[in-house]
Amino acid sequence: MAKEKLIFNSISEIPGWIESHPQVTRGSESTSCSSSRDWDLNTPLAKALEFARNGGNWEEGGKMVRETTLKMADLRRTGRVPSLDTDVCGFLPDVPAFLSGDPSCMWSEGEEDGVQAPILSIGVGVRAPSFATSEQKVNYGSAILSVVDELENKGVRVELWAVYANKMGRDKTDFRVLIKAAEESWSPNSAAFALCHPAYHRRLMFRLAESFESLSRFTGSYGVGYNIKRDFDVWVPALAPGDSWSLDRKHSLEHTTELVQSQLIQQEQAA
């Protein structure tokens, strides 16, 4: 059994690590697979590394994500998706009050001087399943970022991680990249690259896995996603077959909001 774990504090740290660790596995899809619009948006490894050196500066994706998150903000204002909480700022819901419809249903950290807003860590599984179109990936990524905006508007500081958590048999990867620190705003271009661009997963994450001899069997197929929710306050899995809700913005936002909300409620119940 092999489980390899890497933690990067920014996308721009990835190229240096790759350049100092040669490709050693039998699998080599990060470099051997031909580029195409469907597979990697015509982005070979060299181009993906250039994006990463510039912090994931994918301008086209950033524009798409900005437009989609703005439209999702309009959906929230029209009341067609569940609200993460009420107008009262707080971190976790008071479940009985929440279920009864009481608007004051969020636990507060208090108003003493010097008390900082709580930090919520969100891990997002990043994969590019073959069934998913670029529109589905943008819908999902934008829904996640819309939820991040909503939480921070309510007084929560969000730490956002892109996580390549895949397994084949007993071999696993756990490659984590910090996309947004708690004190930062998310960058549309960088967030779009990590959450929506297939080359992030199929070029950069594959290449990281190919640096470990222990993952030679893993790189035979590069595995399937697995859940590492225990390491984050909220875990958002990658798209999977059957996720038809990702076909449009409204349902993507509804699904993602409910997913995050349910995990926050479970945390409060367990406390």
Protein backbone atom coordinates (compact mmCIF):
# COMPACT_ATOMS: atom_id res chain seq x y z
CA MET A 1 0.00 0.00 0.00
CA ALA A 2 1.24 3.49 -0.86
CA LYS A 3 -0.22 6.78 0.21
CA GLU A 4 1.66 9.83 -0.98
CA LYS A 5 0.83 13.25 0.43
CA LEU A 6 1.96 16.67 -0.73
CA ILE A 7 0.92 20.11 0.53
CA PHE A 8 1.49 23.28 -1.48
CA ASN A 9 0.74 26.76 -0.16
CA SER A 10 0.06 28.08 -3.67
CA ILE A 11 -0.34 26.86 -7.22
CA SER A 12 2.95 28.57 -8.12
CA GLU A 13 4.89 26.12 -5.90
CA ILE A 14 3.94 23.13 -8.08
CA PRO A 15 6.33 23.67 -11.07
CA GLY A 16 9.44 23.86 -8.86
CA TRP A 17 8.54 20.60 -7.16
CA ILE A 18 7.88 18.86 -10.50
CA GLU A 19 11.11 20.12 -12.01
CA SER A 20 13.13 18.68 -9.12
CA HIS A 21 11.37 15.29 -9.16
CA PRO A 22 11.71 13.21 -12.35
CA GLN A 23 8.97 11.13 -13.88
CA VAL A 24 9.58 7.56 -12.64
CA THR A 25 6.35 5.55 -12.95
CA ARG A 26 5.29 3.29 -15.78
CA GLY A 27 2.25 5.49 -16.36
CA SER A 28 3.05 8.79 -18.07
CA GLU A 29 -0.25 10.28 -19.22
CA SER A 30 0.72 13.77 -18.07
CA THR A 31 3.15 13.90 -20.98
CA SER A 32 2.26 11.04 -23.33
CA CYS A 33 -1.42 11.85 -23.98
CA SER A 34 -2.04 14.12 -26.93
CA SER A 35 -3.73 17.43 -26.26
CA SER A 36 -7.28 18.03 -27.41
CA ARG A 37 -10.13 20.37 -26.62
CA ASP A 38 -12.00 17.64 -24.78
CA TRP A 39 -9.12 16.13 -22.79
CA ASP A 40 -7.12 19.13 -21.59
CA LEU A 41 -8.45 22.23 -23.40
CA ASN A 42 -5.42 21.94 -25.70
CA THR A 43 -3.05 22.41 -22.76
CA PRO A 44 0.02 20.15 -22.74
CA LEU A 45 2.11 19.83 -19.58
CA ALA A 46 4.48 22.66 -20.55
CA LYS A 47 1.56 25.06 -20.92
CA ALA A 48 -0.05 23.85 -17.68
CA LEU A 49 3.26 24.46 -15.88
CA GLU A 50 3.35 27.97 -17.31
CA PHE A 51 -0.14 28.63 -15.97
CA ALA A 52 1.00 27.34 -12.59
CA ARG A 53 4.15 29.49 -12.51
CA ASN A 54 1.87 32.49 -12.93
CA GLY A 55 -0.32 31.39 -10.03
CA GLY A 56 -2.88 29.65 -12.21
CA ASN A 57 -3.59 32.79 -14.19
CA TRP A 58 -6.25 31.38 -16.57
CA GLU A 59 -7.87 34.56 -17.84
CA GLU A 60 -10.52 32.88 -20.00
CA GLY A 61 -11.63 30.71 -17.09
CA GLY A 62 -11.58 33.63 -14.69
CA LYS A 63 -13.93 35.56 -16.96
CA MET A 64 -16.32 32.60 -17.19
CA VAL A 65 -16.28 32.09 -13.41
CA ARG A 66 -16.86 35.80 -12.69
CA GLU A 67 -19.85 35.88 -15.05
CA THR A 68 -21.30 32.67 -13.61
CA THR A 69 -20.85 33.63 -9.96
CA LEU A 70 -22.54 36.98 -10.64
CA LYS A 71 -25.51 35.16 -12.15
CA MET A 72 -25.56 32.83 -9.16
CA ALA A 73 -25.63 35.86 -6.86
CA ASP A 74 -28.77 36.95 -8.73
CA LEU A 75 -30.27 33.50 -8.10
CA ARG A 76 -29.63 33.93 -4.38
CA ARG A 77 -31.28 37.35 -4.32
CA THR A 78 -34.41 35.99 -5.96
CA GLY A 79 -34.66 33.37 -3.22
CA ARG A 80 -34.60 30.36 -5.52
CA VAL A 81 -31.82 28.54 -3.65
CA PRO A 82 -31.46 27.65 0.04
CA SER A 83 -29.81 30.25 2.22
CA LEU A 84 -26.73 29.17 4.11
CA ASP A 85 -27.94 31.09 7.14
CA THR A 86 -29.93 34.16 8.10
CA ASP A 87 -29.02 37.82 8.28
CA VAL A 88 -27.46 37.18 11.68
CA CYS A 89 -23.71 36.60 11.39
CA GLY A 90 -22.28 33.42 12.80
CA PHE A 91 -20.29 30.30 12.14
CA LEU A 92 -22.50 27.26 12.77
CA PRO A 93 -26.29 26.93 12.94
CA ASP A 94 -28.16 26.42 16.18
CA VAL A 95 -29.99 23.40 14.81
CA PRO A 96 -33.29 23.64 16.78
CA ALA A 97 -33.60 27.33 15.94
CA PHE A 98 -32.58 26.64 12.36
CA LEU A 99 -35.21 23.96 11.90
CA SER A 100 -37.91 26.10 13.50
CA GLY A 101 -37.24 28.95 11.09
CA ASP A 102 -35.91 31.35 13.75
CA PRO A 103 -33.86 34.00 11.91
CA SER A 104 -31.42 34.21 14.83
CA CYS A 105 -30.16 30.70 14.27
CA MET A 106 -26.39 31.12 14.03
CA TRP A 107 -23.87 30.65 16.79
CA SER A 108 -21.78 33.79 17.20
CA GLU A 109 -18.18 34.02 18.26
CA GLY A 110 -19.01 37.01 20.48
CA GLU A 111 -18.40 40.72 20.16
CA GLU A 112 -15.38 41.17 22.44
CA ASP A 113 -12.60 43.36 21.12
CA GLY A 114 -9.90 41.41 19.36
CA VAL A 115 -12.04 38.37 18.55
CA GLN A 116 -11.44 37.33 14.97
CA ALA A 117 -14.01 35.79 12.67
CA PRO A 118 -13.85 31.99 12.70
CA ILE A 119 -11.98 30.12 9.97
CA LEU A 120 -13.72 27.42 7.97
CA SER A 121 -11.57 25.04 5.92
CA ILE A 122 -13.13 23.77 2.70
CA GLY A 123 -11.51 20.96 0.72
CA VAL A 124 -12.58 20.46 -2.91
CA GLY A 125 -11.88 17.23 -4.73
CA VAL A 126 -10.38 18.04 -8.14
CA ARG A 127 -10.82 15.56 -10.95
CA ALA A 128 -11.83 15.92 -14.56
CA PRO A 129 -14.14 12.96 -15.20
CA SER A 130 -14.48 12.15 -18.87
CA PHE A 131 -18.25 12.67 -18.91
CA ALA A 132 -18.11 16.28 -17.67
CA THR A 133 -18.24 19.16 -20.14
CA SER A 134 -16.35 22.39 -19.58
CA GLU A 135 -19.70 24.07 -18.84
CA GLN A 136 -20.42 21.56 -16.06
CA LYS A 137 -16.99 22.13 -14.54
CA VAL A 138 -17.50 25.91 -14.61
CA ASN A 139 -20.99 25.58 -13.10
CA TYR A 140 -19.69 23.47 -10.24
CA GLY A 141 -16.58 25.56 -9.59
CA SER A 142 -18.62 28.75 -9.69
CA ALA A 143 -21.20 27.30 -7.29
CA ILE A 144 -18.43 26.48 -4.81
CA LEU A 145 -17.01 29.99 -5.08
CA SER A 146 -20.49 31.50 -4.72
CA VAL A 147 -20.92 29.58 -1.47
CA VAL A 148 -17.51 30.85 -0.31
CA ASP A 149 -18.67 34.42 -1.00
CA GLU A 150 -21.90 33.84 0.90
CA LEU A 151 -20.10 32.43 3.94
CA GLU A 152 -17.65 35.32 4.03
CA ASN A 153 -20.47 37.83 3.67
CA LYS A 154 -21.86 36.27 6.87
CA GLY A 155 -18.63 36.81 8.79
CA VAL A 156 -16.79 33.51 8.24
CA ARG A 157 -13.22 33.45 6.92
CA VAL A 158 -12.83 30.61 4.43
CA GLU A 159 -9.65 28.69 3.66
CA LEU A 160 -10.07 26.93 0.31
CA TRP A 161 -8.04 23.89 -0.78
CA ALA A 162 -7.97 22.01 -4.10
CA VAL A 163 -7.30 18.34 -3.30
CA TYR A 164 -6.33 15.56 -5.68
CA ALA A 165 -7.50 12.61 -3.57
CA ASN A 166 -7.60 9.54 -5.79
CA LYS A 167 -7.14 5.85 -5.10
CA MET A 168 -6.63 2.63 -6.99
CA GLY A 169 -6.80 -0.41 -4.77
CA ARG A 170 -4.84 0.49 -1.64
CA ASP A 171 -2.68 3.11 -3.36
CA LYS A 172 -3.73 6.71 -2.77
CA THR A 173 -2.78 10.28 -3.57
CA ASP A 174 -3.45 13.24 -1.29
CA PHE A 175 -2.12 16.33 -3.04
CA ARG A 176 -3.37 19.57 -1.49
CA VAL A 177 -2.97 23.08 -2.90
CA LEU A 178 -4.09 26.20 -1.03
CA ILE A 179 -6.25 28.24 -3.40
CA LYS A 180 -7.37 30.91 -0.94
CA ALA A 181 -6.00 31.64 2.52
CA ALA A 182 -8.44 32.79 5.19
CA GLU A 183 -7.27 36.38 5.00
CA GLU A 184 -7.42 36.56 1.18
CA SER A 185 -10.12 37.02 -1.42
CA TRP A 186 -10.32 34.32 -4.06
CA SER A 187 -8.72 35.08 -7.41
CA PRO A 188 -11.11 34.27 -10.28
CA ASN A 189 -8.30 33.22 -12.63
CA SER A 190 -6.51 30.99 -10.12
CA ALA A 191 -9.69 29.48 -8.71
CA ALA A 192 -10.98 28.74 -12.20
CA PHE A 193 -7.73 27.03 -13.14
CA ALA A 194 -7.72 24.75 -10.08
CA LEU A 195 -11.44 23.96 -9.95
CA CYS A 196 -12.46 24.03 -13.63
CA HIS A 197 -9.50 23.45 -15.97
CA PRO A 198 -8.96 19.77 -16.88
CA ALA A 199 -5.20 20.27 -17.33
CA TYR A 200 -4.86 21.08 -13.64
CA HIS A 201 -5.86 17.51 -12.90
CA ARG A 202 -4.76 15.65 -16.02
CA ARG A 203 -1.40 17.34 -16.45
CA LEU A 204 -0.21 18.72 -13.10
CA MET A 205 -1.77 16.25 -10.65
CA PHE A 206 -0.97 13.27 -12.89
CA ARG A 207 2.63 14.49 -13.14
CA LEU A 208 2.93 14.74 -9.35
CA ALA A 209 1.77 11.12 -9.04
CA GLU A 210 4.25 10.05 -11.70
CA SER A 211 7.09 11.26 -9.47
CA PHE A 212 6.61 8.40 -6.99
CA GLU A 213 7.80 4.87 -7.80
CA SER A 214 5.40 3.67 -5.10
CA LEU A 215 2.50 4.83 -7.32
CA SER A 216 3.45 2.83 -10.43
CA ARG A 217 0.35 0.66 -10.07
CA PHE A 218 -1.78 3.74 -9.38
CA THR A 219 -0.70 5.39 -12.62
CA GLY A 220 -2.05 2.44 -14.56
CA SER A 221 -5.45 4.15 -14.46
CA TYR A 222 -4.97 7.07 -12.02
CA GLY A 223 -7.76 5.75 -9.85
CA VAL A 224 -11.03 7.22 -8.64
CA GLY A 225 -11.82 9.87 -6.08
CA TYR A 226 -12.19 9.13 -2.38
CA ASN A 227 -13.51 11.08 0.60
CA ILE A 228 -11.13 12.84 3.01
CA LYS A 229 -13.79 14.92 4.77
CA ARG A 230 -12.23 14.21 8.18
CA ASP A 231 -9.41 16.65 7.38
CA PHE A 232 -11.66 19.62 6.56
CA ASP A 233 -14.63 21.39 8.08
CA VAL A 234 -16.40 20.95 4.74
CA TRP A 235 -15.57 18.45 2.00
CA VAL A 236 -16.84 19.03 -1.55
CA PRO A 237 -16.28 15.92 -3.71
CA ALA A 238 -15.36 16.09 -7.37
CA LEU A 239 -18.00 15.60 -10.03
CA ALA A 240 -19.05 11.98 -10.46
CA PRO A 241 -21.12 10.07 -13.03
CA GLY A 242 -24.80 10.80 -12.53
CA ASP A 243 -24.28 14.34 -11.24
CA SER A 244 -26.86 15.77 -13.63
CA TRP A 245 -27.42 18.74 -11.32
CA SER A 246 -24.21 20.22 -12.75
CA LEU A 247 -25.87 20.75 -16.12
CA ASP A 248 -27.16 24.20 -15.18
CA ARG A 249 -26.28 27.03 -12.79
CA LYS A 250 -29.41 26.92 -10.65
CA HIS A 251 -29.14 23.24 -9.77
CA SER A 252 -25.38 23.45 -9.28
CA LEU A 253 -25.89 26.23 -6.76
CA GLU A 254 -28.72 24.41 -4.99
CA HIS A 255 -26.72 21.19 -4.71
CA THR A 256 -23.56 22.87 -3.45
CA THR A 257 -25.37 25.07 -0.95
CA GLU A 258 -27.25 22.11 0.49
CA LEU A 259 -24.06 20.03 0.63
CA VAL A 260 -22.20 22.68 2.63
CA GLN A 261 -25.20 23.49 4.81
CA SER A 262 -25.75 19.85 5.77
CA GLN A 263 -22.12 19.46 6.86
CA LEU A 264 -22.27 22.61 8.99
CA ILE A 265 -25.41 21.29 10.71
CA GLN A 266 -23.74 17.92 11.33
CA GLN A 267 -20.79 19.70 12.94
CA GLU A 268 -23.06 21.62 15.29
CA GLN A 269 -24.97 18.47 16.23
CA ALA A 270 -21.72 16.65 17.02
CA ALA A 271 -20.39 19.51 19.17
